[in-house]
N, C-alpha and C. Protein backbone atom coordinates (compact mmCIF):
# COMPACT_ATOMS: atom_id res chain seq x y z
N MET A 1 113.24 86.99 150.60
CA MET A 1 112.38 86.60 149.50
C MET A 1 111.23 85.75 150.00
N ALA A 2 111.42 85.03 151.07
CA ALA A 2 110.34 84.19 151.60
C ALA A 2 109.13 85.03 151.97
N ARG A 3 109.39 86.24 152.50
CA ARG A 3 108.26 87.11 152.87
C ARG A 3 107.49 87.57 151.64
N VAL A 4 108.21 87.84 150.55
CA VAL A 4 107.54 88.24 149.32
C VAL A 4 106.67 87.08 148.83
N ARG A 5 107.20 85.87 148.89
CA ARG A 5 106.48 84.67 148.48
C ARG A 5 105.21 84.49 149.29
N THR A 6 105.29 84.77 150.60
CA THR A 6 104.16 84.58 151.49
C THR A 6 102.95 85.39 151.07
N HIS A 7 103.18 86.62 150.63
CA HIS A 7 102.07 87.51 150.32
C HIS A 7 101.58 87.45 148.88
N ILE A 8 102.40 86.93 147.97
CA ILE A 8 102.00 86.98 146.56
C ILE A 8 100.73 86.18 146.32
N SER A 9 100.57 85.05 147.00
CA SER A 9 99.37 84.25 146.77
C SER A 9 98.12 84.91 147.32
N SER A 10 98.27 85.79 148.32
CA SER A 10 97.10 86.47 148.85
C SER A 10 96.71 87.67 147.99
N ILE A 11 97.63 88.17 147.18
CA ILE A 11 97.35 89.32 146.32
C ILE A 11 96.99 88.87 144.91
N ARG A 12 97.76 87.97 144.37
CA ARG A 12 97.55 87.49 143.01
C ARG A 12 97.09 86.04 143.11
N VAL A 13 95.78 85.81 143.00
CA VAL A 13 95.23 84.46 143.13
C VAL A 13 95.85 83.56 142.06
N GLY A 14 96.42 82.44 142.51
CA GLY A 14 97.06 81.52 141.59
C GLY A 14 98.46 81.95 141.20
N GLY A 15 98.94 83.06 141.77
CA GLY A 15 100.27 83.56 141.43
C GLY A 15 101.36 82.61 141.91
N GLN A 16 102.33 82.38 141.05
CA GLN A 16 103.45 81.51 141.39
C GLN A 16 104.74 82.30 141.20
N LEU A 17 105.22 82.88 142.29
CA LEU A 17 106.41 83.72 142.23
C LEU A 17 107.60 82.98 141.65
N GLU A 18 107.81 81.74 142.03
CA GLU A 18 108.97 81.00 141.54
C GLU A 18 108.95 80.87 140.01
N LYS A 19 107.76 80.68 139.45
CA LYS A 19 107.64 80.57 138.00
C LYS A 19 107.99 81.90 137.33
N VAL A 20 107.53 82.99 137.91
CA VAL A 20 107.84 84.32 137.39
C VAL A 20 109.34 84.59 137.46
N LEU A 21 109.94 84.27 138.60
CA LEU A 21 111.38 84.50 138.77
C LEU A 21 112.20 83.64 137.82
N GLU A 22 111.79 82.40 137.63
CA GLU A 22 112.49 81.51 136.70
C GLU A 22 112.43 82.08 135.27
N GLY A 23 111.26 82.54 134.86
CA GLY A 23 111.13 83.13 133.53
C GLY A 23 111.95 84.40 133.39
N THR A 24 111.97 85.21 134.44
CA THR A 24 112.75 86.44 134.41
C THR A 24 114.24 86.13 134.30
N ARG A 25 114.70 85.20 135.11
CA ARG A 25 116.13 84.82 135.05
C ARG A 25 116.49 84.28 133.67
N ASN A 26 115.57 83.54 133.08
CA ASN A 26 115.81 82.98 131.75
C ASN A 26 115.95 84.12 130.72
N MET A 27 115.07 85.10 130.79
CA MET A 27 115.16 86.24 129.87
C MET A 27 116.45 87.02 130.08
N VAL A 28 116.84 87.23 131.35
CA VAL A 28 118.09 87.94 131.65
C VAL A 28 119.28 87.17 131.10
N HIS A 29 119.26 85.85 131.27
CA HIS A 29 120.34 85.00 130.76
C HIS A 29 120.52 85.19 129.25
N TRP A 30 119.42 85.09 128.50
CA TRP A 30 119.51 85.20 127.04
C TRP A 30 119.81 86.62 126.59
N LYS A 31 119.33 87.57 127.34
CA LYS A 31 119.63 88.97 127.03
C LYS A 31 121.14 89.22 127.14
N LYS A 32 121.75 88.70 128.22
CA LYS A 32 123.19 88.85 128.41
C LYS A 32 123.97 88.06 127.37
N LYS A 33 123.52 86.85 127.11
CA LYS A 33 124.22 85.99 126.17
C LYS A 33 124.25 86.62 124.77
N ARG A 34 123.18 87.28 124.40
CA ARG A 34 123.10 87.93 123.09
C ARG A 34 123.63 89.37 123.11
N LYS A 35 124.06 89.81 124.31
CA LYS A 35 124.56 91.18 124.49
C LYS A 35 123.55 92.21 123.96
N SER A 36 122.30 92.00 124.37
CA SER A 36 121.20 92.84 123.90
C SER A 36 120.71 93.78 124.99
N LYS A 37 120.26 94.95 124.60
CA LYS A 37 119.67 95.88 125.55
C LYS A 37 118.17 95.62 125.72
N THR A 38 117.61 94.81 124.85
CA THR A 38 116.19 94.49 124.92
C THR A 38 116.01 92.99 125.16
N PRO A 39 114.93 92.60 125.77
CA PRO A 39 113.84 93.45 126.26
C PRO A 39 114.23 94.17 127.55
N HIS A 40 113.62 95.32 127.77
CA HIS A 40 113.81 96.09 128.99
C HIS A 40 112.92 95.44 130.05
N LEU A 41 113.52 94.88 131.08
CA LEU A 41 112.78 94.11 132.07
C LEU A 41 112.39 94.96 133.28
N ILE A 42 111.09 95.05 133.52
CA ILE A 42 110.56 95.85 134.62
C ILE A 42 109.94 94.93 135.67
N PHE A 43 110.43 95.04 136.89
CA PHE A 43 109.91 94.29 138.03
C PHE A 43 108.87 95.18 138.69
N GLN A 44 107.62 94.74 138.74
CA GLN A 44 106.55 95.55 139.33
C GLN A 44 106.15 94.98 140.68
N PHE A 45 105.92 95.90 141.62
CA PHE A 45 105.53 95.50 142.98
C PHE A 45 104.31 96.32 143.37
N LEU A 46 103.19 95.65 143.59
CA LEU A 46 101.96 96.31 144.01
C LEU A 46 102.02 96.47 145.53
N VAL A 47 102.05 97.72 145.99
CA VAL A 47 102.17 98.01 147.41
C VAL A 47 100.78 98.12 148.04
N VAL A 48 100.48 97.19 148.95
CA VAL A 48 99.23 97.19 149.71
C VAL A 48 99.59 96.97 151.17
N ALA A 49 98.64 97.17 152.06
CA ALA A 49 98.91 97.08 153.50
C ALA A 49 99.63 95.79 153.91
N PRO A 50 99.20 94.62 153.43
CA PRO A 50 99.87 93.40 153.89
C PRO A 50 101.33 93.26 153.46
N ASN A 51 101.76 94.03 152.45
CA ASN A 51 103.15 93.85 151.99
C ASN A 51 103.97 95.13 151.96
N GLU A 52 103.42 96.24 152.47
CA GLU A 52 104.16 97.51 152.36
C GLU A 52 105.50 97.47 153.08
N HIS A 53 105.66 96.58 154.04
CA HIS A 53 106.92 96.44 154.75
C HIS A 53 107.97 95.69 153.93
N GLN A 54 107.59 95.20 152.75
CA GLN A 54 108.50 94.39 151.93
C GLN A 54 109.13 95.16 150.77
N ILE A 55 109.03 96.46 150.78
CA ILE A 55 109.56 97.25 149.68
C ILE A 55 111.07 97.00 149.50
N GLU A 56 111.81 96.97 150.58
CA GLU A 56 113.26 96.72 150.47
C GLU A 56 113.52 95.30 149.96
N ASP A 57 112.72 94.33 150.39
CA ASP A 57 112.86 92.96 149.88
C ASP A 57 112.63 92.93 148.37
N ALA A 58 111.63 93.68 147.92
CA ALA A 58 111.33 93.74 146.48
C ALA A 58 112.50 94.36 145.72
N ARG A 59 113.08 95.41 146.27
CA ARG A 59 114.25 96.04 145.63
C ARG A 59 115.40 95.03 145.49
N ARG A 60 115.66 94.31 146.57
CA ARG A 60 116.74 93.31 146.53
C ARG A 60 116.43 92.21 145.51
N LEU A 61 115.19 91.77 145.48
CA LEU A 61 114.80 90.71 144.56
C LEU A 61 114.92 91.16 143.11
N ALA A 62 114.51 92.38 142.81
CA ALA A 62 114.64 92.91 141.45
C ALA A 62 116.10 92.93 141.02
N LYS A 63 116.95 93.35 141.92
CA LYS A 63 118.40 93.40 141.62
C LYS A 63 118.93 91.98 141.44
N GLU A 64 118.51 91.07 142.32
CA GLU A 64 118.98 89.68 142.28
C GLU A 64 118.64 89.00 140.95
N VAL A 65 117.43 89.22 140.44
CA VAL A 65 117.04 88.56 139.20
C VAL A 65 117.55 89.27 137.96
N GLY A 66 118.06 90.50 138.13
CA GLY A 66 118.65 91.22 137.00
C GLY A 66 117.69 92.13 136.24
N ALA A 67 116.62 92.57 136.91
CA ALA A 67 115.68 93.49 136.26
C ALA A 67 116.36 94.81 135.94
N ASP A 68 115.91 95.47 134.88
CA ASP A 68 116.46 96.76 134.49
C ASP A 68 115.93 97.88 135.37
N GLU A 69 114.71 97.73 135.86
CA GLU A 69 114.13 98.73 136.76
C GLU A 69 113.04 98.06 137.60
N ILE A 70 112.65 98.76 138.64
CA ILE A 70 111.55 98.29 139.48
C ILE A 70 110.51 99.40 139.56
N GLN A 71 109.25 99.01 139.51
CA GLN A 71 108.15 99.97 139.64
C GLN A 71 107.30 99.58 140.84
N PHE A 72 106.99 100.58 141.66
CA PHE A 72 106.09 100.37 142.80
C PHE A 72 104.75 101.00 142.44
N LYS A 73 103.70 100.23 142.57
CA LYS A 73 102.36 100.72 142.25
C LYS A 73 101.48 100.57 143.48
N THR A 74 100.46 101.40 143.55
CA THR A 74 99.47 101.28 144.61
C THR A 74 98.19 100.72 144.00
N ALA A 75 97.40 100.05 144.83
CA ALA A 75 96.14 99.48 144.36
C ALA A 75 95.13 100.59 144.09
N GLN A 76 94.22 100.32 143.19
CA GLN A 76 93.13 101.26 142.95
C GLN A 76 92.05 100.97 143.99
N ILE A 77 91.81 101.94 144.86
CA ILE A 77 90.83 101.78 145.93
C ILE A 77 89.76 102.84 145.72
N TYR A 78 88.52 102.40 145.65
CA TYR A 78 87.44 103.32 145.30
C TYR A 78 86.60 103.77 146.49
N ASP A 79 86.61 103.04 147.59
CA ASP A 79 85.78 103.38 148.74
C ASP A 79 86.64 104.09 149.78
N PHE A 80 86.81 105.41 149.60
CA PHE A 80 87.67 106.17 150.49
C PHE A 80 86.98 106.51 151.80
N VAL A 81 85.66 106.48 151.82
CA VAL A 81 84.91 106.79 153.04
C VAL A 81 85.09 105.68 154.05
N ASN A 82 84.90 104.45 153.61
CA ASN A 82 85.00 103.30 154.51
C ASN A 82 86.40 102.69 154.54
N GLY A 83 87.23 103.09 153.62
CA GLY A 83 88.59 102.56 153.58
C GLY A 83 88.63 101.15 153.03
N SER A 84 89.78 100.54 153.15
CA SER A 84 90.00 99.19 152.65
C SER A 84 91.16 98.58 153.41
N ASP A 85 91.09 97.27 153.60
CA ASP A 85 92.20 96.56 154.26
C ASP A 85 93.46 96.62 153.40
N LEU A 86 93.31 96.95 152.13
CA LEU A 86 94.46 97.03 151.24
C LEU A 86 95.18 98.36 151.32
N MET A 87 94.54 99.37 151.90
CA MET A 87 95.16 100.69 151.97
C MET A 87 96.42 100.64 152.84
N PRO A 88 97.55 101.04 152.27
CA PRO A 88 98.80 101.03 153.05
C PRO A 88 98.70 101.95 154.26
N LYS A 89 99.44 101.62 155.30
CA LYS A 89 99.47 102.43 156.53
C LYS A 89 100.50 103.55 156.43
N ASN A 90 101.51 103.35 155.59
CA ASN A 90 102.55 104.35 155.39
C ASN A 90 101.92 105.61 154.81
N GLU A 91 102.13 106.74 155.45
CA GLU A 91 101.49 107.99 155.05
C GLU A 91 101.80 108.39 153.61
N LYS A 92 103.04 108.22 153.18
CA LYS A 92 103.41 108.62 151.82
C LYS A 92 102.64 107.78 150.80
N ILE A 93 102.56 106.50 151.01
CA ILE A 93 101.84 105.63 150.10
C ILE A 93 100.34 105.89 150.21
N LEU A 94 99.85 106.12 151.41
CA LEU A 94 98.43 106.38 151.64
C LEU A 94 97.97 107.65 150.92
N GLU A 95 98.81 108.67 150.86
CA GLU A 95 98.47 109.91 150.15
C GLU A 95 98.11 109.62 148.70
N VAL A 96 98.84 108.71 148.10
CA VAL A 96 98.58 108.35 146.70
C VAL A 96 97.20 107.70 146.59
N CYS A 97 96.88 106.81 147.52
CA CYS A 97 95.58 106.13 147.49
C CYS A 97 94.43 107.12 147.67
N THR A 98 94.58 108.02 148.61
CA THR A 98 93.49 108.95 148.88
C THR A 98 93.38 110.04 147.83
N ALA A 99 94.40 110.21 147.03
CA ALA A 99 94.33 111.17 145.92
C ALA A 99 93.59 110.56 144.74
N ARG A 100 93.15 109.32 144.92
CA ARG A 100 92.37 108.60 143.89
C ARG A 100 93.12 108.47 142.58
N LYS A 101 94.38 108.18 142.69
CA LYS A 101 95.15 107.91 141.49
C LYS A 101 96.09 106.76 141.79
N ARG A 102 96.58 106.17 140.75
CA ARG A 102 97.51 105.06 140.89
C ARG A 102 98.89 105.58 140.53
N GLU A 103 99.78 105.52 141.48
CA GLU A 103 101.13 106.06 141.25
C GLU A 103 102.08 104.95 140.86
N VAL A 104 102.98 105.30 139.98
CA VAL A 104 104.06 104.39 139.63
C VAL A 104 105.34 105.10 140.01
N GLN A 105 106.10 104.48 140.89
CA GLN A 105 107.41 105.00 141.27
C GLN A 105 108.42 104.09 140.63
N THR A 106 109.24 104.61 139.74
CA THR A 106 110.20 103.81 139.01
C THR A 106 111.61 104.13 139.48
N GLU A 107 112.42 103.09 139.60
CA GLU A 107 113.82 103.30 139.96
C GLU A 107 114.63 102.13 139.45
N LYS A 108 115.92 102.33 139.37
CA LYS A 108 116.85 101.25 139.00
C LYS A 108 117.05 100.39 140.24
N PRO A 109 117.14 99.06 140.09
CA PRO A 109 117.33 98.20 141.25
C PRO A 109 118.60 98.51 142.05
N ASP A 110 119.61 99.09 141.40
CA ASP A 110 120.87 99.41 142.08
C ASP A 110 120.71 100.57 143.05
N ALA A 111 119.65 101.37 142.87
CA ALA A 111 119.48 102.59 143.68
C ALA A 111 119.23 102.30 145.13
């Protein structure tokens, strides 16, 4: 989780992962206490070059906090000729970027 924390501030200016995780855990706690199926909690992870190696960490973190599902998204990159430092190096993820669309890959954290 420390690696996820390291990159969040470089991607989301002013982002405070601990605050997000605390709020998520609080929602999971009350959801369980009330034996409710809602709200459906989605953990989203924006995959960019500096953090593409953290996908497994994100999966573990989503499971740890009790999210119902995790979604992996790619950044919207418009300059395909010159590229971007945010473009992932992983070929599968890169295909999505060069196709000029934003992909959402959804899965259950247990998967």
